[in-house]
Amino acid sequence: GYGYDVTPAVDGQDGFNKLRMGSFDAVVSDVQMP
């Protein structure tokens, strides 16, 4: 809603895999995840 392009990830490992495959300006993450 504020103009960001968001790629969701289901946990930190999924997020790290997506980070390695793409290009991002920031990471927003929960702490407690499997």
PDB file of all heavy atoms in Angstrom:
ATOM      1  N   GLY A   1       0.807  -1.215   0.000  1.00  0.00           N
ATOM      2  CA  GLY A   1       0.000   0.000   0.000  1.00  0.00           C
ATOM      3  C   GLY A   1       0.841   1.267   0.000  1.00  0.00           C
ATOM      4  O   GLY A   1       0.381   2.329  -0.419  1.00  0.00           O
ATOM      5  N   TYR A   2       2.082   1.140   0.484  1.00  0.00           N
ATOM      6  CA  TYR A   2       2.983   2.292   0.506  1.00  0.00           C
ATOM      7  C   TYR A   2       4.028   2.223  -0.607  1.00  0.00           C
ATOM      8  O   TYR A   2       5.065   2.877  -0.548  1.00  0.00           O
ATOM      9  CB  TYR A   2       3.645   2.424   1.882  1.00  0.00           C
ATOM     10  CG  TYR A   2       2.715   3.066   2.866  1.00  0.00           C
ATOM     11  CD1 TYR A   2       1.808   2.300   3.589  1.00  0.00           C
ATOM     12  CD2 TYR A   2       2.688   4.447   3.042  1.00  0.00           C
ATOM     13  CE1 TYR A   2       0.916   2.884   4.468  1.00  0.00           C
ATOM     14  CE2 TYR A   2       1.806   5.044   3.916  1.00  0.00           C
ATOM     15  CZ  TYR A   2       0.917   4.256   4.624  1.00  0.00           C
ATOM     16  OH  TYR A   2       0.036   4.849   5.489  1.00  0.00           O
ATOM     17  N   GLY A   3       3.748   1.401  -1.618  1.00  0.00           N
ATOM     18  CA  GLY A   3       4.582   1.411  -2.811  1.00  0.00           C
ATOM     19  C   GLY A   3       5.761   0.464  -2.846  1.00  0.00           C
ATOM     20  O   GLY A   3       6.604   0.565  -3.733  1.00  0.00           O
ATOM     21  N   TYR A   4       5.840  -0.449  -1.898  1.00  0.00           N
ATOM     22  CA  TYR A   4       6.937  -1.410  -1.915  1.00  0.00           C
ATOM     23  C   TYR A   4       6.552  -2.647  -2.717  1.00  0.00           C
ATOM     24  O   TYR A   4       5.388  -3.044  -2.744  1.00  0.00           O
ATOM     25  CB  TYR A   4       7.312  -1.830  -0.487  1.00  0.00           C
ATOM     26  CG  TYR A   4       7.922  -0.716   0.323  1.00  0.00           C
ATOM     27  CD1 TYR A   4       7.171  -0.022   1.262  1.00  0.00           C
ATOM     28  CD2 TYR A   4       9.252  -0.354   0.146  1.00  0.00           C
ATOM     29  CE1 TYR A   4       7.722   1.012   1.999  1.00  0.00           C
ATOM     30  CE2 TYR A   4       9.815   0.681   0.876  1.00  0.00           C
ATOM     31  CZ  TYR A   4       9.043   1.359   1.807  1.00  0.00           C
ATOM     32  OH  TYR A   4       9.598   2.375   2.525  1.00  0.00           O
ATOM     33  N   ASP A   5       7.534  -3.262  -3.354  1.00  0.00           N
ATOM     34  CA  ASP A   5       7.366  -4.533  -4.037  1.00  0.00           C
ATOM     35  C   ASP A   5       7.789  -5.592  -3.018  1.00  0.00           C
ATOM     36  O   ASP A   5       8.949  -5.616  -2.597  1.00  0.00           O
ATOM     37  CB  ASP A   5       8.267  -4.556  -5.280  1.00  0.00           C
ATOM     38  CG  ASP A   5       8.172  -5.854  -6.054  1.00  0.00           C
ATOM     39  OD1 ASP A   5       7.334  -6.710  -5.715  1.00  0.00           O
ATOM     40  OD2 ASP A   5       8.946  -6.010  -7.007  1.00  0.00           O
ATOM     41  N   VAL A   6       6.855  -6.458  -2.591  1.00  0.00           N
ATOM     42  CA  VAL A   6       7.105  -7.381  -1.482  1.00  0.00           C
ATOM     43  C   VAL A   6       7.183  -8.823  -1.967  1.00  0.00           C
ATOM     44  O   VAL A   6       6.296  -9.299  -2.678  1.00  0.00           O
ATOM     45  CB  VAL A   6       5.995  -7.255  -0.415  1.00  0.00           C
ATOM     46  CG1 VAL A   6       6.239  -8.222   0.737  1.00  0.00           C
ATOM     47  CG2 VAL A   6       5.907  -5.820   0.094  1.00  0.00           C
ATOM     48  N   THR A   7       8.241  -9.516  -1.570  1.00  0.00           N
ATOM     49  CA  THR A   7       8.384 -10.948  -1.821  1.00  0.00           C
ATOM     50  C   THR A   7       8.246 -11.658  -0.478  1.00  0.00           C
ATOM     51  O   THR A   7       9.070 -11.457   0.416  1.00  0.00           O
ATOM     52  CB  THR A   7       9.765 -11.270  -2.436  1.00  0.00           C
ATOM     53  OG1 THR A   7       9.893 -10.582  -3.676  1.00  0.00           O
ATOM     54  CG2 THR A   7       9.931 -12.767  -2.640  1.00  0.00           C
ATOM     55  N   PRO A   8       7.187 -12.464  -0.289  1.00  0.00           N
ATOM     56  CA  PRO A   8       7.007 -13.156   0.983  1.00  0.00           C
ATOM     57  C   PRO A   8       7.830 -14.438   1.068  1.00  0.00           C
ATOM     58  O   PRO A   8       8.118 -15.077   0.050  1.00  0.00           O
ATOM     59  CB  PRO A   8       5.503 -13.477   0.998  1.00  0.00           C
ATOM     60  CG  PRO A   8       5.093 -13.520  -0.431  1.00  0.00           C
ATOM     61  CD  PRO A   8       6.049 -12.637  -1.188  1.00  0.00           C
ATOM     62  N   ALA A   9       8.216 -14.790   2.286  1.00  0.00           N
ATOM     63  CA  ALA A   9       8.925 -16.043   2.563  1.00  0.00           C
ATOM     64  C   ALA A   9       8.307 -16.656   3.824  1.00  0.00           C
ATOM     65  O   ALA A   9       7.943 -15.933   4.747  1.00  0.00           O
ATOM     66  CB  ALA A   9      10.409 -15.779   2.769  1.00  0.00           C
ATOM     67  N   VAL A  10       8.195 -17.992   3.856  1.00  0.00           N
ATOM     68  CA  VAL A  10       7.489 -18.670   4.947  1.00  0.00           C
ATOM     69  C   VAL A  10       8.338 -18.868   6.202  1.00  0.00           C
ATOM     70  O   VAL A  10       7.807 -19.173   7.267  1.00  0.00           O
ATOM     71  CB  VAL A  10       6.906 -20.027   4.492  1.00  0.00           C
ATOM     72  CG1 VAL A  10       5.895 -19.817   3.376  1.00  0.00           C
ATOM     73  CG2 VAL A  10       8.007 -20.976   4.037  1.00  0.00           C
ATOM     74  N   ASP A  11       9.662 -18.711   6.089  1.00  0.00           N
ATOM     75  CA  ASP A  11      10.549 -18.796   7.246  1.00  0.00           C
ATOM     76  C   ASP A  11      11.914 -18.237   6.842  1.00  0.00           C
ATOM     77  O   ASP A  11      12.094 -17.804   5.707  1.00  0.00           O
ATOM     78  CB  ASP A  11      10.650 -20.237   7.783  1.00  0.00           C
ATOM     79  CG  ASP A  11      11.196 -21.236   6.764  1.00  0.00           C
ATOM     80  OD1 ASP A  11      12.058 -20.862   5.928  1.00  0.00           O
ATOM     81  OD2 ASP A  11      10.775 -22.395   6.800  1.00  0.00           O
ATOM     82  N   GLY A  12      12.849 -18.266   7.757  1.00  0.00           N
ATOM     83  CA  GLY A  12      14.159 -17.691   7.479  1.00  0.00           C
ATOM     84  C   GLY A  12      14.926 -18.412   6.383  1.00  0.00           C
ATOM     85  O   GLY A  12      15.615 -17.782   5.590  1.00  0.00           O
ATOM     86  N   GLN A  13      14.802 -19.738   6.342  1.00  0.00           N
ATOM     87  CA  GLN A  13      15.520 -20.491   5.305  1.00  0.00           C
ATOM     88  C   GLN A  13      14.963 -20.164   3.925  1.00  0.00           C
ATOM     89  O   GLN A  13      15.713 -19.930   2.982  1.00  0.00           O
ATOM     90  CB  GLN A  13      15.434 -22.004   5.574  1.00  0.00           C
ATOM     91  CG  GLN A  13      16.349 -22.805   4.671  1.00  0.00           C
ATOM     92  CD  GLN A  13      17.815 -22.403   4.822  1.00  0.00           C
ATOM     93  OE1 GLN A  13      18.383 -22.467   5.913  1.00  0.00           O
ATOM     94  NE2 GLN A  13      18.444 -21.974   3.740  1.00  0.00           N
ATOM     95  N   ASP A  14      13.638 -20.122   3.811  1.00  0.00           N
ATOM     96  CA  ASP A  14      12.994 -19.740   2.550  1.00  0.00           C
ATOM     97  C   ASP A  14      13.422 -18.320   2.177  1.00  0.00           C
ATOM     98  O   ASP A  14      13.747 -18.033   1.031  1.00  0.00           O
ATOM     99  CB  ASP A  14      11.473 -19.848   2.709  1.00  0.00           C
ATOM    100  CG  ASP A  14      10.714 -19.505   1.436  1.00  0.00           C
ATOM    101  OD1 ASP A  14      11.171 -19.880   0.336  1.00  0.00           O
ATOM    102  OD2 ASP A  14       9.646 -18.870   1.551  1.00  0.00           O
ATOM    103  N   GLY A  15      13.450 -17.438   3.167  1.00  0.00           N
ATOM    104  CA  GLY A  15      13.858 -16.059   2.927  1.00  0.00           C
ATOM    105  C   GLY A  15      15.294 -15.965   2.447  1.00  0.00           C
ATOM    106  O   GLY A  15      15.600 -15.238   1.494  1.00  0.00           O
ATOM    107  N   PHE A  16      16.190 -16.706   3.087  1.00  0.00           N
ATOM    108  CA  PHE A  16      17.594 -16.652   2.687  1.00  0.00           C
ATOM    109  C   PHE A  16      17.766 -17.176   1.262  1.00  0.00           C
ATOM    110  O   PHE A  16      18.512 -16.597   0.466  1.00  0.00           O
ATOM    111  CB  PHE A  16      18.483 -17.426   3.667  1.00  0.00           C
ATOM    112  CG  PHE A  16      19.934 -17.232   3.386  1.00  0.00           C
ATOM    113  CD1 PHE A  16      20.556 -16.029   3.699  1.00  0.00           C
ATOM    114  CD2 PHE A  16      20.679 -18.224   2.776  1.00  0.00           C
ATOM    115  CE1 PHE A  16      21.902 -15.816   3.413  1.00  0.00           C
ATOM    116  CE2 PHE A  16      22.022 -18.027   2.488  1.00  0.00           C
ATOM    117  CZ  PHE A  16      22.625 -16.826   2.816  1.00  0.00           C
ATOM    118  N   ASN A  17      17.050 -18.256   0.924  1.00  0.00           N
ATOM    119  CA  ASN A  17      17.118 -18.797  -0.439  1.00  0.00           C
ATOM    120  C   ASN A  17      16.634 -17.762  -1.449  1.00  0.00           C
ATOM    121  O   ASN A  17      17.251 -17.584  -2.503  1.00  0.00           O
ATOM    122  CB  ASN A  17      16.284 -20.078  -0.556  1.00  0.00           C
ATOM    123  CG  ASN A  17      16.865 -21.218   0.259  1.00  0.00           C
ATOM    124  OD1 ASN A  17      18.026 -21.203   0.653  1.00  0.00           O
ATOM    125  ND2 ASN A  17      16.037 -22.208   0.546  1.00  0.00           N
ATOM    126  N   LYS A  18      15.548 -17.058  -1.135  1.00  0.00           N
ATOM    127  CA  LYS A  18      15.025 -16.030  -2.046  1.00  0.00           C
ATOM    128  C   LYS A  18      15.981 -14.844  -2.131  1.00  0.00           C
ATOM    129  O   LYS A  18      16.150 -14.259  -3.207  1.00  0.00           O
ATOM    130  CB  LYS A  18      13.628 -15.590  -1.596  1.00  0.00           C
ATOM    131  CG  LYS A  18      12.595 -16.667  -1.870  1.00  0.00           C
ATOM    132  CD  LYS A  18      11.210 -16.302  -1.403  1.00  0.00           C
ATOM    133  CE  LYS A  18      10.253 -17.428  -1.822  1.00  0.00           C
ATOM    134  NZ  LYS A  18       8.908 -17.258  -1.323  1.00  0.00           N
ATOM    135  N   LEU A  19      16.610 -14.501  -1.018  1.00  0.00           N
ATOM    136  CA  LEU A  19      17.583 -13.410  -1.010  1.00  0.00           C
ATOM    137  C   LEU A  19      18.743 -13.724  -1.959  1.00  0.00           C
ATOM    138  O   LEU A  19      19.180 -12.867  -2.725  1.00  0.00           O
ATOM    139  CB  LEU A  19      18.113 -13.185   0.411  1.00  0.00           C
ATOM    140  CG  LEU A  19      19.185 -12.110   0.570  1.00  0.00           C
ATOM    141  CD1 LEU A  19      18.648 -10.735   0.220  1.00  0.00           C
ATOM    142  CD2 LEU A  19      19.724 -12.121   2.000  1.00  0.00           C
ATOM    143  N   ARG A  20      19.228 -14.964  -1.920  1.00  0.00           N
ATOM    144  CA  ARG A  20      20.365 -15.356  -2.762  1.00  0.00           C
ATOM    145  C   ARG A  20      19.998 -15.362  -4.245  1.00  0.00           C
ATOM    146  O   ARG A  20      20.869 -15.237  -5.091  1.00  0.00           O
ATOM    147  CB  ARG A  20      20.887 -16.741  -2.351  1.00  0.00           C
ATOM    148  CG  ARG A  20      21.422 -16.813  -0.934  1.00  0.00           C
ATOM    149  CD  ARG A  20      22.608 -15.923  -0.675  1.00  0.00           C
ATOM    150  NE  ARG A  20      23.809 -16.397  -1.336  1.00  0.00           N
ATOM    151  CZ  ARG A  20      24.897 -15.666  -1.537  1.00  0.00           C
ATOM    152  NH1 ARG A  20      24.931 -14.410  -1.156  1.00  0.00           N
ATOM    153  NH2 ARG A  20      25.946 -16.173  -2.136  1.00  0.00           N
ATOM    154  N   MET A  21      18.700 -15.520  -4.558  1.00  0.00           N
ATOM    155  CA  MET A  21      18.252 -15.602  -5.953  1.00  0.00           C
ATOM    156  C   MET A  21      17.836 -14.242  -6.513  1.00  0.00           C
ATOM    157  O   MET A  21      17.649 -14.117  -7.714  1.00  0.00           O
ATOM    158  CB  MET A  21      17.058 -16.552  -6.067  1.00  0.00           C
ATOM    159  CG  MET A  21      17.335 -17.947  -5.564  1.00  0.00           C
ATOM    160  SD  MET A  21      18.627 -18.727  -6.508  1.00  0.00           S
ATOM    161  CE  MET A  21      17.656 -19.797  -7.510  1.00  0.00           C
ATOM    162  N   GLY A  22      17.633 -13.242  -5.648  1.00  0.00           N
ATOM    163  CA  GLY A  22      17.111 -11.967  -6.125  1.00  0.00           C
ATOM    164  C   GLY A  22      17.909 -10.786  -5.631  1.00  0.00           C
ATOM    165  O   GLY A  22      19.017 -10.926  -5.119  1.00  0.00           O
ATOM    166  N   SER A  23      17.298  -9.634  -5.756  1.00  0.00           N
ATOM    167  CA  SER A  23      17.910  -8.394  -5.303  1.00  0.00           C
ATOM    168  C   SER A  23      16.873  -7.638  -4.484  1.00  0.00           C
ATOM    169  O   SER A  23      15.749  -7.415  -4.954  1.00  0.00           O
ATOM    170  CB  SER A  23      18.332  -7.574  -6.519  1.00  0.00           C
ATOM    171  OG  SER A  23      18.817  -6.325  -6.111  1.00  0.00           O
ATOM    172  N   PHE A  24      17.232  -7.276  -3.262  1.00  0.00           N
ATOM    173  CA  PHE A  24      16.287  -6.630  -2.354  1.00  0.00           C
ATOM    174  C   PHE A  24      16.899  -5.381  -1.735  1.00  0.00           C
ATOM    175  O   PHE A  24      18.115  -5.283  -1.588  1.00  0.00           O
ATOM    176  CB  PHE A  24      15.852  -7.602  -1.252  1.00  0.00           C
ATOM    177  CG  PHE A  24      15.096  -8.790  -1.786  1.00  0.00           C
ATOM    178  CD1 PHE A  24      15.755  -9.963  -2.114  1.00  0.00           C
ATOM    179  CD2 PHE A  24      13.725  -8.721  -1.993  1.00  0.00           C
ATOM    180  CE1 PHE A  24      15.072 -11.058  -2.633  1.00  0.00           C
ATOM    181  CE2 PHE A  24      13.030  -9.805  -2.513  1.00  0.00           C
ATOM    182  CZ  PHE A  24      13.706 -10.975  -2.837  1.00  0.00           C
ATOM    183  N   ASP A  25      16.012  -4.443  -1.367  1.00  0.00           N
ATOM    184  CA  ASP A  25      16.451  -3.204  -0.724  1.00  0.00           C
ATOM    185  C   ASP A  25      16.411  -3.302   0.791  1.00  0.00           C
ATOM    186  O   ASP A  25      17.020  -2.485   1.487  1.00  0.00           O
ATOM    187  CB  ASP A  25      15.578  -2.040  -1.205  1.00  0.00           C
ATOM    188  CG  ASP A  25      15.752  -1.814  -2.701  1.00  0.00           C
ATOM    189  OD1 ASP A  25      16.867  -1.454  -3.109  1.00  0.00           O
ATOM    190  OD2 ASP A  25      14.777  -2.020  -3.450  1.00  0.00           O
ATOM    191  N   ALA A  26      15.656  -4.285   1.328  1.00  0.00           N
ATOM    192  CA  ALA A  26      15.573  -4.486   2.779  1.00  0.00           C
ATOM    193  C   ALA A  26      14.950  -5.847   3.059  1.00  0.00           C
ATOM    194  O   ALA A  26      14.230  -6.406   2.227  1.00  0.00           O
ATOM    195  CB  ALA A  26      14.742  -3.391   3.437  1.00  0.00           C
ATOM    196  N   VAL A  27      15.221  -6.355   4.265  1.00  0.00           N
ATOM    197  CA  VAL A  27      14.613  -7.592   4.757  1.00  0.00           C
ATOM    198  C   VAL A  27      13.827  -7.241   6.017  1.00  0.00           C
ATOM    199  O   VAL A  27      14.356  -6.589   6.926  1.00  0.00           O
ATOM    200  CB  VAL A  27      15.683  -8.660   5.096  1.00  0.00           C
ATOM    201  CG1 VAL A  27      15.044  -9.897   5.718  1.00  0.00           C
ATOM    202  CG2 VAL A  27      16.489  -9.029   3.858  1.00  0.00           C
ATOM    203  N   VAL A  28      12.560  -7.655   6.049  1.00  0.00           N
ATOM    204  CA  VAL A  28      11.721  -7.510   7.238  1.00  0.00           C
ATOM    205  C   VAL A  28      11.408  -8.927   7.691  1.00  0.00           C
ATOM    206  O   VAL A  28      10.866  -9.723   6.910  1.00  0.00           O
ATOM    207  CB  VAL A  28      10.420  -6.727   6.926  1.00  0.00           C
ATOM    208  CG1 VAL A  28       9.509  -6.698   8.153  1.00  0.00           C
ATOM    209  CG2 VAL A  28      10.746  -5.312   6.467  1.00  0.00           C
ATOM    210  N   SER A  29      11.754  -9.265   8.939  1.00  0.00           N
ATOM    211  CA  SER A  29      11.610 -10.647   9.378  1.00  0.00           C
ATOM    212  C   SER A  29      11.093 -10.761  10.803  1.00  0.00           C
ATOM    213  O   SER A  29      11.444  -9.969  11.674  1.00  0.00           O
ATOM    214  CB  SER A  29      12.972 -11.356   9.288  1.00  0.00           C
ATOM    215  OG  SER A  29      12.870 -12.689   9.741  1.00  0.00           O
ATOM    216  N   ASP A  30      10.288 -11.795  11.012  1.00  0.00           N
ATOM    217  CA  ASP A  30       9.897 -12.227  12.343  1.00  0.00           C
ATOM    218  C   ASP A  30      11.142 -12.852  12.984  1.00  0.00           C
ATOM    219  O   ASP A  30      12.113 -13.172  12.282  1.00  0.00           O
ATOM    220  CB  ASP A  30       8.769 -13.257  12.211  1.00  0.00           C
ATOM    221  CG  ASP A  30       8.162 -13.670  13.542  1.00  0.00           C
ATOM    222  OD1 ASP A  30       8.370 -12.970  14.550  1.00  0.00           O
ATOM    223  OD2 ASP A  30       7.459 -14.694  13.571  1.00  0.00           O
ATOM    224  N   VAL A  31      11.121 -13.049  14.298  1.00  0.00           N
ATOM    225  CA  VAL A  31      12.234 -13.739  14.948  1.00  0.00           C
ATOM    226  C   VAL A  31      11.903 -15.217  15.129  1.00  0.00           C
ATOM    227  O   VAL A  31      12.674 -16.088  14.746  1.00  0.00           O
ATOM    228  CB  VAL A  31      12.591 -13.082  16.307  1.00  0.00           C
ATOM    229  CG1 VAL A  31      13.573 -13.943  17.090  1.00  0.00           C
ATOM    230  CG2 VAL A  31      13.179 -11.699  16.077  1.00  0.00           C
ATOM    231  N   GLN A  32      10.757 -15.524  15.700  1.00  0.00           N
ATOM    232  CA  GLN A  32      10.413 -16.910  16.010  1.00  0.00           C
ATOM    233  C   GLN A  32       9.782 -17.590  14.793  1.00  0.00           C
ATOM    234  O   GLN A  32       8.612 -17.356  14.482  1.00  0.00           O
ATOM    235  CB  GLN A  32       9.454 -16.950  17.196  1.00  0.00           C
ATOM    236  CG  GLN A  32      10.091 -16.434  18.472  1.00  0.00           C
ATOM    237  CD  GLN A  32       9.084 -16.341  19.598  1.00  0.00           C
ATOM    238  OE1 GLN A  32       8.121 -15.595  19.526  1.00  0.00           O
ATOM    239  NE2 GLN A  32       9.309 -17.123  20.638  1.00  0.00           N
ATOM    240  N   MET A  33      10.587 -18.416  14.099  1.00  0.00           N
ATOM    241  CA  MET A  33      10.126 -19.152  12.925  1.00  0.00           C
ATOM    242  C   MET A  33      10.811 -20.515  12.902  1.00  0.00           C
ATOM    243  O   MET A  33      11.905 -20.663  13.443  1.00  0.00           O
ATOM    244  CB  MET A  33      10.503 -18.403  11.630  1.00  0.00           C
ATOM    245  CG  MET A  33       9.874 -17.046  11.462  1.00  0.00           C
ATOM    246  SD  MET A  33      10.352 -16.267   9.898  1.00  0.00           S
ATOM    247  CE  MET A  33      12.077 -15.870  10.198  1.00  0.00           C
ATOM    248  N   PRO A  34      10.182 -21.493  12.244  1.00  0.00           N
ATOM    249  CA  PRO A  34      10.833 -22.806  12.111  1.00  0.00           C
ATOM    250  C   PRO A  34      11.981 -22.748  11.106  1.00  0.00           C
ATOM    251  O   PRO A  34      12.114 -21.782  10.358  1.00  0.00           O
ATOM    252  CB  PRO A  34       9.697 -23.704  11.605  1.00  0.00           C
ATOM    253  CG  PRO A  34       8.740 -22.777  10.928  1.00  0.00           C
ATOM    254  CD  PRO A  34       8.843 -21.465  11.662  1.00  0.00           C
TER     255      PRO A  34
END
